Amino acid sequence: MEVLSPYKEVTDVILEAGGEPLKLCYQCGLCTGICPWNTVRSFMVRRIMHEAQLGATNFGSEDVWICVTCRACVQRCPRGVEIIDVMRAIRRAVASLGIGVVPDALRISAKNIAGVGNPLGEEPEKRDDWAKDLGVKKFTRGTEILYFPCCIPSYDPDVKTVSRSTATILNKLGIDFGIIGTEAKCCGEAIRKAGHEEIFQSLAKSNINTFGSNGVKTIVVSSPHCYHAFKNEYPELGGKFQVLHITQYLVSLIDQGKLRFSKEIKKKVIYSDPCYLGRHNSIYDEPRKLLQSIPGLELVEFPDSREEALCCGGGGGRIWMDTKKGERFSDIRVEQALEKGAN
């Protein structure tokens, strides 16, 4: 039964911003119990949902921006309420209507993405600088694979190893692939979850047009967030492509006998399931199969893995926000990895 709101105007603002799933919540509280924030601090998901139902949402509260969109609550909810959509709608009301205040870090990231197509505020002309000495070609019509490395591996010096290593592997395998480079923009997944729907739609339409005009059919990505956006959100705007995470693509090559590891690597490795690869898209086996195919490598598991994996804390736009010491999920993960003897 739908809750009657004493402040219907406020509830309607949230519903119109995409919060329709709010109507299905019957306040069982299982969402609060499973939320990863409650391992480090109090975060009452149930209360946020109930306040929205009553039209009593405090749009100026820090809690508006806490949700990391990990999907643990949705997975546990007995009615399958898309709680993330409600959180996104509340944030959208703040961002688009000026109710409350957008945190400075998110405001700056949104401004950068809207202005130059990436959250770091880097020049679009430098987007493909990471690949300059690798012999990576520009994608042209007829090229088999578009490799889309995400904004952070494109610009951040500490993370460029991801894009460079991926391109090196694809080159060594003789894969016909290319990059869009300076024409590409941020996928928009995180800024959408942070409530900036208009920016997301602008990015998505631009990328869809760029991919379409270049004849892109298959996209291989490094980021689970890019994977989710291209596969599940771009089709809303007409962008339909085959989308593969790099682990899926490499495992398909192993299955076809086109990729085999010969060098032994004697390491104990632990794999942390990304929320947007695991809970959001049910990709659990391919990353593990890829690691297990390396001779000498021992794969160990976290105490909470696969569907129960702990979030890294960076989703929902929180990658751009500071998290207090003592409240970082990543610290817990490092301690767990050390306890398992991973090196």
C-alpha atoms as a PDB file:
ATOM      1  CA  MET A   1       0.000   0.000   0.000  1.00  0.00           C
ATOM      2  CA  GLU A   2       1.359   3.407  -0.969  1.00  0.00           C
ATOM      3  CA  VAL A   3       2.267   5.804   1.844  1.00  0.00           C
ATOM      4  CA  LEU A   4       0.245   9.042   1.854  1.00  0.00           C
ATOM      5  CA  SER A   5       2.599  12.010   1.985  1.00  0.00           C
ATOM      6  CA  PRO A   6       1.668  14.954   4.248  1.00  0.00           C
ATOM      7  CA  TYR A   7       4.017  17.081   2.133  1.00  0.00           C
ATOM      8  CA  LYS A   8       2.993  15.852  -1.291  1.00  0.00           C
ATOM      9  CA  GLU A   9       4.772  18.635  -3.189  1.00  0.00           C
ATOM     10  CA  VAL A  10       8.167  17.459  -1.920  1.00  0.00           C
ATOM     11  CA  THR A  11       7.423  13.798  -2.604  1.00  0.00           C
ATOM     12  CA  ASP A  12       6.229  14.710  -6.106  1.00  0.00           C
ATOM     13  CA  VAL A  13       9.537  16.481  -6.806  1.00  0.00           C
ATOM     14  CA  ILE A  14      11.384  13.241  -6.004  1.00  0.00           C
ATOM     15  CA  LEU A  15       8.958  11.081  -7.986  1.00  0.00           C
ATOM     16  CA  GLU A  16       9.204  13.352 -11.031  1.00  0.00           C
ATOM     17  CA  ALA A  17      13.014  13.224 -10.833  1.00  0.00           C
ATOM     18  CA  GLY A  18      12.915   9.434 -11.275  1.00  0.00           C
ATOM     19  CA  GLY A  19      12.052   8.239  -7.784  1.00  0.00           C
ATOM     20  CA  GLU A  20       8.974   6.166  -8.686  1.00  0.00           C
ATOM     21  CA  PRO A  21      10.353   3.011  -6.956  1.00  0.00           C
ATOM     22  CA  LEU A  22       9.812   4.902  -3.708  1.00  0.00           C
ATOM     23  CA  LYS A  23       6.150   3.860  -3.832  1.00  0.00           C
ATOM     24  CA  LEU A  24       7.063   0.182  -3.421  1.00  0.00           C
ATOM     25  CA  CYS A  25       9.040   0.475  -0.177  1.00  0.00           C
ATOM     26  CA  TYR A  26       7.219  -0.961   2.854  1.00  0.00           C
ATOM     27  CA  GLN A  27       9.892  -0.092   5.414  1.00  0.00           C
ATOM     28  CA  CYS A  28      11.199  -3.541   6.323  1.00  0.00           C
ATOM     29  CA  GLY A  29      14.660  -2.091   7.019  1.00  0.00           C
ATOM     30  CA  LEU A  30      16.730  -4.836   5.367  1.00  0.00           C
ATOM     31  CA  CYS A  31      18.431  -2.171   3.244  1.00  0.00           C
ATOM     32  CA  THR A  32      19.936  -0.498   6.299  1.00  0.00           C
ATOM     33  CA  GLY A  33      21.244  -3.795   7.642  1.00  0.00           C
ATOM     34  CA  ILE A  34      23.113  -4.654   4.436  1.00  0.00           C
ATOM     35  CA  CYS A  35      24.444  -1.169   3.595  1.00  0.00           C
ATOM     36  CA  PRO A  36      28.282  -1.186   3.733  1.00  0.00           C
ATOM     37  CA  TRP A  37      28.335   2.212   5.431  1.00  0.00           C
ATOM     38  CA  ASN A  38      27.072   0.576   8.589  1.00  0.00           C
ATOM     39  CA  THR A  39      30.384  -1.260   8.949  1.00  0.00           C
ATOM     40  CA  VAL A  40      32.097   2.093   9.598  1.00  0.00           C
ATOM     41  CA  ARG A  41      29.332   4.577  10.606  1.00  0.00           C
ATOM     42  CA  SER A  42      25.567   4.925  10.822  1.00  0.00           C
ATOM     43  CA  PHE A  43      23.642   5.407   7.587  1.00  0.00           C
ATOM     44  CA  MET A  44      19.888   4.817   7.746  1.00  0.00           C
ATOM     45  CA  VAL A  45      18.744   3.914   4.238  1.00  0.00           C
ATOM     46  CA  ARG A  46      15.293   3.026   5.549  1.00  0.00           C
ATOM     47  CA  ARG A  47      14.919   6.489   7.111  1.00  0.00           C
ATOM     48  CA  ILE A  48      15.888   8.239   3.869  1.00  0.00           C
ATOM     49  CA  MET A  49      13.271   6.222   1.995  1.00  0.00           C
ATOM     50  CA  HIS A  50      10.595   6.939   4.609  1.00  0.00           C
ATOM     51  CA  GLU A  51      11.381  10.663   4.722  1.00  0.00           C
ATOM     52  CA  ALA A  52      11.029  10.800   0.944  1.00  0.00           C
ATOM     53  CA  GLN A  53       7.672   9.007   1.154  1.00  0.00           C
ATOM     54  CA  LEU A  54       6.485  11.587   3.686  1.00  0.00           C
ATOM     55  CA  GLY A  55       7.910  14.572   1.821  1.00  0.00           C
ATOM     56  CA  ALA A  56      10.213  15.228   4.784  1.00  0.00           C
ATOM     57  CA  THR A  57      13.545  14.860   2.955  1.00  0.00           C
ATOM     58  CA  ASN A  58      16.331  17.062   4.290  1.00  0.00           C
ATOM     59  CA  PHE A  59      17.911  18.087   0.986  1.00  0.00           C
ATOM     60  CA  GLY A  60      20.720  19.851   2.861  1.00  0.00           C
ATOM     61  CA  SER A  61      21.839  16.736   4.731  1.00  0.00           C
ATOM     62  CA  GLU A  62      25.177  15.027   4.117  1.00  0.00           C
ATOM     63  CA  ASP A  63      23.217  11.772   3.844  1.00  0.00           C
ATOM     64  CA  VAL A  64      21.956  12.832   0.400  1.00  0.00           C
ATOM     65  CA  TRP A  65      25.474  12.261  -0.955  1.00  0.00           C
ATOM     66  CA  ILE A  66      26.558   9.209   1.068  1.00  0.00           C
ATOM     67  CA  CYS A  67      25.109   6.359  -1.057  1.00  0.00           C
ATOM     68  CA  VAL A  68      27.792   4.641  -3.146  1.00  0.00           C
ATOM     69  CA  THR A  69      25.201   2.917  -5.396  1.00  0.00           C
ATOM     70  CA  CYS A  70      26.732  -0.496  -4.667  1.00  0.00           C
ATOM     71  CA  ARG A  71      23.353  -2.260  -5.121  1.00  0.00           C
ATOM     72  CA  ALA A  72      23.680  -4.361  -1.976  1.00  0.00           C
ATOM     73  CA  CYS A  73      20.384  -2.919  -0.705  1.00  0.00           C
ATOM     74  CA  VAL A  74      18.544  -3.615  -3.955  1.00  0.00           C
ATOM     75  CA  GLN A  75      19.875  -7.171  -3.978  1.00  0.00           C
ATOM     76  CA  ARG A  76      18.604  -7.743  -0.425  1.00  0.00           C
ATOM     77  CA  CYS A  77      15.247  -5.938  -0.790  1.00  0.00           C
ATOM     78  CA  PRO A  78      12.341  -8.454  -0.741  1.00  0.00           C
ATOM     79  CA  ARG A  79      10.384  -6.263  -3.165  1.00  0.00           C
ATOM     80  CA  GLY A  80      13.303  -5.464  -5.449  1.00  0.00           C
ATOM     81  CA  VAL A  81      12.911  -1.724  -4.883  1.00  0.00           C
ATOM     82  CA  GLU A  82      15.429   0.181  -7.013  1.00  0.00           C
ATOM     83  CA  ILE A  83      16.687   2.242  -4.087  1.00  0.00           C
ATOM     84  CA  ILE A  84      19.534   3.657  -6.180  1.00  0.00           C
ATOM     85  CA  ASP A  85      16.988   5.329  -8.453  1.00  0.00           C
ATOM     86  CA  VAL A  86      15.454   7.037  -5.426  1.00  0.00           C
ATOM     87  CA  MET A  87      18.854   8.241  -4.196  1.00  0.00           C
ATOM     88  CA  ARG A  88      19.628   9.518  -7.686  1.00  0.00           C
ATOM     89  CA  ALA A  89      16.275  11.305  -7.844  1.00  0.00           C
ATOM     90  CA  ILE A  90      16.877  13.078  -4.529  1.00  0.00           C
ATOM     91  CA  ARG A  91      20.288  14.217  -5.767  1.00  0.00           C
ATOM     92  CA  ARG A  92      18.779  15.268  -9.073  1.00  0.00           C
ATOM     93  CA  ALA A  93      16.317  17.489  -7.222  1.00  0.00           C
ATOM     94  CA  VAL A  94      19.239  19.193  -5.491  1.00  0.00           C
ATOM     95  CA  ALA A  95      21.348  19.524  -8.643  1.00  0.00           C
ATOM     96  CA  SER A  96      18.651  20.678 -11.046  1.00  0.00           C
ATOM     97  CA  LEU A  97      16.296  22.624  -8.790  1.00  0.00           C
ATOM     98  CA  GLY A  98      18.813  24.178  -6.447  1.00  0.00           C
ATOM     99  CA  ILE A  99      17.264  22.602  -3.356  1.00  0.00           C
ATOM    100  CA  GLY A 100      20.093  22.100  -0.876  1.00  0.00           C
ATOM    101  CA  VAL A 101      23.780  22.278  -1.765  1.00  0.00           C
ATOM    102  CA  VAL A 102      25.889  20.108  -4.078  1.00  0.00           C
ATOM    103  CA  PRO A 103      29.229  19.287  -2.365  1.00  0.00           C
ATOM    104  CA  ASP A 104      32.137  21.299  -3.773  1.00  0.00           C
ATOM    105  CA  ALA A 105      34.001  18.241  -5.081  1.00  0.00           C
ATOM    106  CA  LEU A 106      30.958  17.072  -7.044  1.00  0.00           C
ATOM    107  CA  ARG A 107      30.185  20.573  -8.269  1.00  0.00           C
ATOM    108  CA  ILE A 108      33.717  20.975  -9.638  1.00  0.00           C
ATOM    109  CA  SER A 109      33.682  17.520 -11.256  1.00  0.00           C
ATOM    110  CA  ALA A 110      30.310  18.246 -12.869  1.00  0.00           C
ATOM    111  CA  LYS A 111      31.605  21.574 -14.179  1.00  0.00           C
ATOM    112  CA  ASN A 112      34.699  19.877 -15.642  1.00  0.00           C
ATOM    113  CA  ILE A 113      32.703  17.089 -17.271  1.00  0.00           C
ATOM    114  CA  ALA A 114      30.208  19.517 -18.781  1.00  0.00           C
ATOM    115  CA  GLY A 115      32.986  21.808 -19.977  1.00  0.00           C
ATOM    116  CA  VAL A 116      35.761  19.557 -21.289  1.00  0.00           C
ATOM    117  CA  GLY A 117      34.274  16.049 -21.156  1.00  0.00           C
ATOM    118  CA  ASN A 118      36.250  14.632 -18.224  1.00  0.00           C
ATOM    119  CA  PRO A 119      36.103  15.042 -14.417  1.00  0.00           C
ATOM    120  CA  LEU A 120      39.758  16.010 -14.093  1.00  0.00           C
ATOM    121  CA  GLY A 121      39.391  19.169 -16.165  1.00  0.00           C
ATOM    122  CA  GLU A 122      42.109  18.016 -18.563  1.00  0.00           C
ATOM    123  CA  GLU A 123      42.321  19.158 -22.174  1.00  0.00           C
ATOM    124  CA  PRO A 124      40.336  16.949 -24.590  1.00  0.00           C
ATOM    125  CA  GLU A 125      43.274  17.101 -27.013  1.00  0.00           C
ATOM    126  CA  LYS A 126      45.375  15.153 -24.506  1.00  0.00           C
ATOM    127  CA  ARG A 127      42.893  12.319 -24.020  1.00  0.00           C
ATOM    128  CA  ASP A 128      44.882   9.863 -26.149  1.00  0.00           C
ATOM    129  CA  ASP A 129      48.372  10.966 -25.035  1.00  0.00           C
ATOM    130  CA  TRP A 130      48.663   7.742 -23.003  1.00  0.00           C
ATOM    131  CA  ALA A 131      48.890   5.772 -26.268  1.00  0.00           C
ATOM    132  CA  LYS A 132      51.328   7.917 -28.256  1.00  0.00           C
ATOM    133  CA  ASP A 133      54.322   5.548 -28.181  1.00  0.00           C
ATOM    134  CA  LEU A 134      52.346   2.282 -28.360  1.00  0.00           C
ATOM    135  CA  GLY A 135      51.429   2.205 -32.044  1.00  0.00           C
ATOM    136  CA  VAL A 136      47.703   2.316 -31.305  1.00  0.00           C
ATOM    137  CA  LYS A 137      45.684   3.432 -34.307  1.00  0.00           C
ATOM    138  CA  LYS A 138      42.713   5.748 -34.407  1.00  0.00           C
ATOM    139  CA  PHE A 139      39.465   3.850 -34.808  1.00  0.00           C
ATOM    140  CA  THR A 140      38.109   3.988 -38.349  1.00  0.00           C
ATOM    141  CA  ARG A 141      35.106   2.369 -39.966  1.00  0.00           C
ATOM    142  CA  GLY A 142      35.757  -1.350 -40.374  1.00  0.00           C
ATOM    143  CA  THR A 143      38.020  -1.679 -37.319  1.00  0.00           C
ATOM    144  CA  GLU A 144      36.906  -4.693 -35.275  1.00  0.00           C
ATOM    145  CA  ILE A 145      37.161  -3.350 -31.709  1.00  0.00           C
ATOM    146  CA  LEU A 146      36.917   0.066 -30.087  1.00  0.00           C
ATOM    147  CA  TYR A 147      38.950   0.160 -26.887  1.00  0.00           C
ATOM    148  CA  PHE A 148      37.513   2.738 -24.476  1.00  0.00           C
ATOM    149  CA  PRO A 149      39.829   3.150 -21.469  1.00  0.00           C
ATOM    150  CA  CYS A 150      37.788   5.560 -19.254  1.00  0.00           C
ATOM    151  CA  CYS A 151      38.787   9.065 -18.154  1.00  0.00           C
ATOM    152  CA  ILE A 152      41.050   8.171 -15.223  1.00  0.00           C
ATOM    153  CA  PRO A 153      43.327   5.717 -17.128  1.00  0.00           C
ATOM    154  CA  SER A 154      43.427   8.246 -19.967  1.00  0.00           C
ATOM    155  CA  TYR A 155      44.720  11.150 -17.882  1.00  0.00           C
ATOM    156  CA  ASP A 156      45.888  10.141 -14.404  1.00  0.00           C
ATOM    157  CA  PRO A 157      49.655   9.368 -14.482  1.00  0.00           C
ATOM    158  CA  ASP A 158      49.273   6.762 -11.727  1.00  0.00           C
ATOM    159  CA  VAL A 159      46.490   4.891 -13.530  1.00  0.00           C
ATOM    160  CA  LYS A 160      47.668   5.124 -17.140  1.00  0.00           C
ATOM    161  CA  THR A 161      49.286   1.725 -16.584  1.00  0.00           C
ATOM    162  CA  VAL A 162      45.779   0.255 -16.983  1.00  0.00           C
ATOM    163  CA  SER A 163      45.181   1.673 -20.456  1.00  0.00           C
ATOM    164  CA  ARG A 164      48.787   1.194 -21.580  1.00  0.00           C
ATOM    165  CA  SER A 165      48.946  -2.425 -20.386  1.00  0.00           C
ATOM    166  CA  THR A 166      45.593  -3.242 -21.993  1.00  0.00           C
ATOM    167  CA  ALA A 167      46.659  -1.769 -25.334  1.00  0.00           C
ATOM    168  CA  THR A 168      49.981  -3.617 -25.140  1.00  0.00           C
ATOM    169  CA  ILE A 169      48.183  -6.936 -24.580  1.00  0.00           C
ATOM    170  CA  LEU A 170      45.789  -6.329 -27.477  1.00  0.00           C
ATOM    171  CA  ASN A 171      48.701  -5.372 -29.729  1.00  0.00           C
ATOM    172  CA  LYS A 172      50.660  -8.518 -28.841  1.00  0.00           C
ATOM    173  CA  LEU A 173      47.598 -10.622 -29.610  1.00  0.00           C
ATOM    174  CA  GLY A 174      47.264  -8.985 -33.015  1.00  0.00           C
ATOM    175  CA  ILE A 175      43.771  -7.681 -32.283  1.00  0.00           C
ATOM    176  CA  ASP A 176      42.327  -5.229 -34.792  1.00  0.00           C
ATOM    177  CA  PHE A 177      41.434  -2.392 -32.435  1.00  0.00           C
ATOM    178  CA  GLY A 178      41.559   1.369 -32.254  1.00  0.00           C
ATOM    179  CA  ILE A 179      40.731   4.289 -29.991  1.00  0.00           C
ATOM    180  CA  ILE A 180      38.449   7.266 -30.562  1.00  0.00           C
ATOM    181  CA  GLY A 181      40.794   9.557 -28.668  1.00  0.00           C
ATOM    182  CA  THR A 182      40.012  13.255 -28.528  1.00  0.00           C
ATOM    183  CA  GLU A 183      36.432  12.822 -29.754  1.00  0.00           C
ATOM    184  CA  ALA A 184      35.480  10.656 -26.762  1.00  0.00           C
ATOM    185  CA  LYS A 185      33.886  12.034 -23.622  1.00  0.00           C
ATOM    186  CA  CYS A 186      33.298  10.664 -20.132  1.00  0.00           C
ATOM    187  CA  CYS A 187      30.751   7.829 -20.171  1.00  0.00           C
ATOM    188  CA  GLY A 188      28.717   9.801 -17.630  1.00  0.00           C
ATOM    189  CA  GLU A 189      27.732   6.913 -15.355  1.00  0.00           C
ATOM    190  CA  ALA A 190      29.001   8.419 -12.095  1.00  0.00           C
ATOM    191  CA  ILE A 191      27.801  11.955 -12.749  1.00  0.00           C
ATOM    192  CA  ARG A 192      24.339  10.564 -13.496  1.00  0.00           C
ATOM    193  CA  LYS A 193      24.252   8.774 -10.148  1.00  0.00           C
ATOM    194  CA  ALA A 194      25.331  12.065  -8.578  1.00  0.00           C
ATOM    195  CA  GLY A 195      22.112  13.619  -9.869  1.00  0.00           C
ATOM    196  CA  HIS A 196      23.299  15.463 -12.971  1.00  0.00           C
ATOM    197  CA  GLU A 197      20.928  13.892 -15.490  1.00  0.00           C
ATOM    198  CA  GLU A 198      21.240  16.665 -18.077  1.00  0.00           C
ATOM    199  CA  ILE A 199      25.037  16.332 -18.170  1.00  0.00           C
ATOM    200  CA  PHE A 200      24.754  12.553 -18.520  1.00  0.00           C
ATOM    201  CA  GLN A 201      22.344  12.809 -21.421  1.00  0.00           C
ATOM    202  CA  SER A 202      24.575  15.333 -23.188  1.00  0.00           C
ATOM    203  CA  LEU A 203      27.619  13.063 -22.793  1.00  0.00           C
ATOM    204  CA  ALA A 204      25.734   9.947 -23.854  1.00  0.00           C
ATOM    205  CA  LYS A 205      24.263  11.569 -26.958  1.00  0.00           C
ATOM    206  CA  SER A 206      27.688  12.898 -27.951  1.00  0.00           C
ATOM    207  CA  ASN A 207      29.372   9.510 -27.497  1.00  0.00           C
ATOM    208  CA  ILE A 208      26.546   7.661 -29.262  1.00  0.00           C
ATOM    209  CA  ASN A 209      26.875  10.029 -32.210  1.00  0.00           C
ATOM    210  CA  THR A 210      30.669   9.640 -32.253  1.00  0.00           C
ATOM    211  CA  PHE A 211      30.506   5.846 -32.030  1.00  0.00           C
ATOM    212  CA  GLY A 212      27.788   5.658 -34.672  1.00  0.00           C
ATOM    213  CA  SER A 213      29.482   7.980 -37.165  1.00  0.00           C
ATOM    214  CA  ASN A 214      32.685   5.944 -36.881  1.00  0.00           C
ATOM    215  CA  GLY A 215      30.913   2.622 -37.391  1.00  0.00           C
ATOM    216  CA  VAL A 216      31.576   1.232 -33.920  1.00  0.00           C
ATOM    217  CA  LYS A 217      29.926  -2.126 -33.276  1.00  0.00           C
ATOM    218  CA  THR A 218      31.943  -3.652 -30.425  1.00  0.00           C
ATOM    219  CA  ILE A 219      33.382  -1.764 -27.448  1.00  0.00           C
ATOM    220  CA  VAL A 220      35.916  -3.241 -25.015  1.00  0.00           C
ATOM    221  CA  VAL A 221      36.263  -1.324 -21.750  1.00  0.00           C
ATOM    222  CA  SER A 222      38.493  -1.375 -18.689  1.00  0.00           C
ATOM    223  CA  SER A 223      36.070   0.316 -16.294  1.00  0.00           C
ATOM    224  CA  PRO A 224      33.018  -1.476 -14.857  1.00  0.00           C
ATOM    225  CA  HIS A 225      31.286   1.908 -14.782  1.00  0.00           C
ATOM    226  CA  CYS A 226      31.830   2.462 -18.520  1.00  0.00           C
ATOM    227  CA  TYR A 227      30.608  -1.094 -19.078  1.00  0.00           C
ATOM    228  CA  HIS A 228      27.415  -0.403 -17.160  1.00  0.00           C
ATOM    229  CA  ALA A 229      26.743   2.908 -18.898  1.00  0.00           C
ATOM    230  CA  PHE A 230      27.323   1.642 -22.436  1.00  0.00           C
ATOM    231  CA  LYS A 231      25.492  -1.651 -21.934  1.00  0.00           C
ATOM    232  CA  ASN A 232      22.538  -0.650 -19.757  1.00  0.00           C
ATOM    233  CA  GLU A 233      22.055   3.111 -19.942  1.00  0.00           C
ATOM    234  CA  TYR A 234      23.024   4.192 -23.466  1.00  0.00           C
ATOM    235  CA  PRO A 235      20.288   2.002 -25.036  1.00  0.00           C
ATOM    236  CA  GLU A 236      17.763   4.335 -23.344  1.00  0.00           C
ATOM    237  CA  LEU A 237      19.001   6.990 -25.786  1.00  0.00           C
ATOM    238  CA  GLY A 238      19.371   4.734 -28.819  1.00  0.00           C
ATOM    239  CA  GLY A 239      22.982   3.650 -28.334  1.00  0.00           C
ATOM    240  CA  LYS A 240      23.101  -0.097 -28.918  1.00  0.00           C
ATOM    241  CA  PHE A 241      26.540  -1.698 -29.134  1.00  0.00           C
ATOM    242  CA  GLN A 242      28.138  -4.974 -28.138  1.00  0.00           C
ATOM    243  CA  VAL A 243      29.934  -4.131 -24.900  1.00  0.00           C
ATOM    244  CA  LEU A 244      32.590  -6.332 -23.299  1.00  0.00           C
ATOM    245  CA  HIS A 245      34.696  -5.862 -20.210  1.00  0.00           C
ATOM    246  CA  ILE A 246      38.356  -6.597 -20.917  1.00  0.00           C
ATOM    247  CA  THR A 247      38.208  -9.706 -18.702  1.00  0.00           C
ATOM    248  CA  GLN A 248      35.281 -11.066 -20.728  1.00  0.00           C
ATOM    249  CA  TYR A 249      37.098 -10.411 -23.975  1.00  0.00           C
ATOM    250  CA  LEU A 250      40.367 -12.024 -22.882  1.00  0.00           C
ATOM    251  CA  VAL A 251      38.571 -15.090 -21.499  1.00  0.00           C
ATOM    252  CA  SER A 252      36.770 -15.470 -24.837  1.00  0.00           C
ATOM    253  CA  LEU A 253      40.194 -15.541 -26.509  1.00  0.00           C
ATOM    254  CA  ILE A 254      41.361 -18.199 -24.034  1.00  0.00           C
ATOM    255  CA  ASP A 255      38.282 -20.288 -24.825  1.00  0.00           C
ATOM    256  CA  GLN A 256      39.027 -19.970 -28.557  1.00  0.00           C
ATOM    257  CA  GLY A 257      42.638 -21.048 -28.033  1.00  0.00           C
ATOM    258  CA  LYS A 258      43.958 -17.654 -29.134  1.00  0.00           C
ATOM    259  CA  LEU A 259      45.444 -16.698 -25.765  1.00  0.00           C
ATOM    260  CA  ARG A 260      47.625 -18.813 -23.514  1.00  0.00           C
ATOM    261  CA  PHE A 261      49.886 -17.793 -20.660  1.00  0.00           C
ATOM    262  CA  SER A 262      53.265 -19.532 -20.547  1.00  0.00           C
ATOM    263  CA  LYS A 263      55.247 -17.532 -17.997  1.00  0.00           C
ATOM    264  CA  GLU A 264      54.873 -18.714 -14.415  1.00  0.00           C
ATOM    265  CA  ILE A 265      53.985 -16.042 -11.847  1.00  0.00           C
ATOM    266  CA  LYS A 266      54.309 -17.305  -8.286  1.00  0.00           C
ATOM    267  CA  LYS A 267      52.021 -14.900  -6.490  1.00  0.00           C
ATOM    268  CA  LYS A 268      49.096 -15.201  -4.109  1.00  0.00           C
ATOM    269  CA  VAL A 269      46.454 -12.890  -5.576  1.00  0.00           C
ATOM    270  CA  ILE A 270      43.111 -11.774  -4.168  1.00  0.00           C
ATOM    271  CA  TYR A 271      40.328 -10.421  -6.383  1.00  0.00           C
ATOM    272  CA  SER A 272      37.840  -7.795  -5.212  1.00  0.00           C
ATOM    273  CA  ASP A 273      34.542  -7.850  -7.115  1.00  0.00           C
ATOM    274  CA  PRO A 274      33.699  -4.345  -8.385  1.00  0.00           C
ATOM    275  CA  CYS A 275      30.050  -3.512  -7.638  1.00  0.00           C
ATOM    276  CA  TYR A 276      29.363  -2.437 -11.211  1.00  0.00           C
ATOM    277  CA  LEU A 277      30.844  -5.622 -12.649  1.00  0.00           C
ATOM    278  CA  GLY A 278      29.402  -7.959 -10.034  1.00  0.00           C
ATOM    279  CA  ARG A 279      26.129  -6.955  -8.387  1.00  0.00           C
ATOM    280  CA  HIS A 280      25.072  -4.631 -11.206  1.00  0.00           C
ATOM    281  CA  ASN A 281      25.999  -6.943 -14.106  1.00  0.00           C
ATOM    282  CA  SER A 282      26.554 -10.447 -12.658  1.00  0.00           C
ATOM    283  CA  ILE A 283      30.101 -10.774 -14.022  1.00  0.00           C
ATOM    284  CA  TYR A 284      31.912 -12.877 -11.438  1.00  0.00           C
ATOM    285  CA  ASP A 285      33.529 -15.814 -13.217  1.00  0.00           C
ATOM    286  CA  GLU A 286      35.523 -14.258 -16.063  1.00  0.00           C
ATOM    287  CA  PRO A 287      37.975 -12.236 -13.922  1.00  0.00           C
ATOM    288  CA  ARG A 288      38.655 -15.317 -11.804  1.00  0.00           C
ATOM    289  CA  LYS A 289      39.063 -17.593 -14.812  1.00  0.00           C
ATOM    290  CA  LEU A 290      41.537 -15.140 -16.307  1.00  0.00           C
ATOM    291  CA  LEU A 291      43.647 -15.089 -13.153  1.00  0.00           C
ATOM    292  CA  GLN A 292      43.446 -18.860 -12.695  1.00  0.00           C
ATOM    293  CA  SER A 293      44.758 -19.383 -16.224  1.00  0.00           C
ATOM    294  CA  ILE A 294      48.128 -17.875 -15.251  1.00  0.00           C
ATOM    295  CA  PRO A 295      50.628 -20.621 -14.295  1.00  0.00           C
ATOM    296  CA  GLY A 296      51.861 -20.471 -10.702  1.00  0.00           C
ATOM    297  CA  LEU A 297      49.303 -17.911  -9.582  1.00  0.00           C
ATOM    298  CA  GLU A 298      47.250 -18.786  -6.506  1.00  0.00           C
ATOM    299  CA  LEU A 299      43.863 -17.074  -6.319  1.00  0.00           C
ATOM    300  CA  VAL A 300      42.373 -16.558  -2.863  1.00  0.00           C
ATOM    301  CA  GLU A 301      39.016 -15.045  -1.941  1.00  0.00           C
ATOM    302  CA  PHE A 302      37.913 -12.302   0.421  1.00  0.00           C
ATOM    303  CA  PRO A 303      35.647 -13.448   3.275  1.00  0.00           C
ATOM    304  CA  ASP A 304      32.851 -11.515   1.549  1.00  0.00           C
ATOM    305  CA  SER A 305      33.070 -11.990  -2.199  1.00  0.00           C
ATOM    306  CA  ARG A 306      30.908 -12.222  -5.313  1.00  0.00           C
ATOM    307  CA  GLU A 307      27.337 -11.103  -4.438  1.00  0.00           C
ATOM    308  CA  GLU A 308      28.406 -10.251  -0.883  1.00  0.00           C
ATOM    309  CA  ALA A 309      31.540  -8.286  -1.838  1.00  0.00           C
ATOM    310  CA  LEU A 310      32.339  -5.090   0.027  1.00  0.00           C
ATOM    311  CA  CYS A 311      32.122  -1.929  -2.074  1.00  0.00           C
ATOM    312  CA  CYS A 312      35.333   0.075  -2.652  1.00  0.00           C
ATOM    313  CA  GLY A 313      33.460   3.263  -1.728  1.00  0.00           C
ATOM    314  CA  GLY A 314      33.934   5.095  -5.033  1.00  0.00           C
ATOM    315  CA  GLY A 315      30.531   4.739  -6.699  1.00  0.00           C
ATOM    316  CA  GLY A 316      27.759   7.289  -6.962  1.00  0.00           C
ATOM    317  CA  GLY A 317      30.233  10.111  -7.529  1.00  0.00           C
ATOM    318  CA  ARG A 318      32.112   9.491  -4.291  1.00  0.00           C
ATOM    319  CA  ILE A 319      35.281   8.825  -6.271  1.00  0.00           C
ATOM    320  CA  TRP A 320      35.603  12.622  -6.370  1.00  0.00           C
ATOM    321  CA  MET A 321      34.838  13.171  -2.683  1.00  0.00           C
ATOM    322  CA  ASP A 322      36.982  12.765   0.417  1.00  0.00           C
ATOM    323  CA  THR A 323      36.043  10.039   2.862  1.00  0.00           C
ATOM    324  CA  LYS A 324      37.137  10.446   6.461  1.00  0.00           C
ATOM    325  CA  LYS A 325      39.900   8.275   7.833  1.00  0.00           C
ATOM    326  CA  GLY A 326      38.305   5.365   9.632  1.00  0.00           C
ATOM    327  CA  GLU A 327      35.334   5.324   7.248  1.00  0.00           C
ATOM    328  CA  ARG A 328      37.082   4.049   4.115  1.00  0.00           C
ATOM    329  CA  PHE A 329      35.936   0.645   2.892  1.00  0.00           C
ATOM    330  CA  SER A 330      39.240   0.307   1.030  1.00  0.00           C
ATOM    331  CA  ASP A 331      41.127   0.227   4.343  1.00  0.00           C
ATOM    332  CA  ILE A 332      39.032  -2.752   5.416  1.00  0.00           C
ATOM    333  CA  ARG A 333      39.775  -4.459   2.098  1.00  0.00           C
ATOM    334  CA  VAL A 334      43.540  -3.967   2.473  1.00  0.00           C
ATOM    335  CA  GLU A 335      43.454  -5.462   5.975  1.00  0.00           C
ATOM    336  CA  GLN A 336      41.445  -8.445   4.714  1.00  0.00           C
ATOM    337  CA  ALA A 337      43.878  -8.987   1.828  1.00  0.00           C
ATOM    338  CA  LEU A 338      46.843  -8.970   4.196  1.00  0.00           C
ATOM    339  CA  GLU A 339      45.115 -11.455   6.501  1.00  0.00           C
ATOM    340  CA  LYS A 340      44.667 -13.770   3.499  1.00  0.00           C
ATOM    341  CA  GLY A 341      48.381 -13.507   2.699  1.00  0.00           C
ATOM    342  CA  ALA A 342      47.911 -11.866  -0.691  1.00  0.00           C
ATOM    343  CA  ASN A 343      51.043 -10.334  -2.136  1.00  0.00           C
END
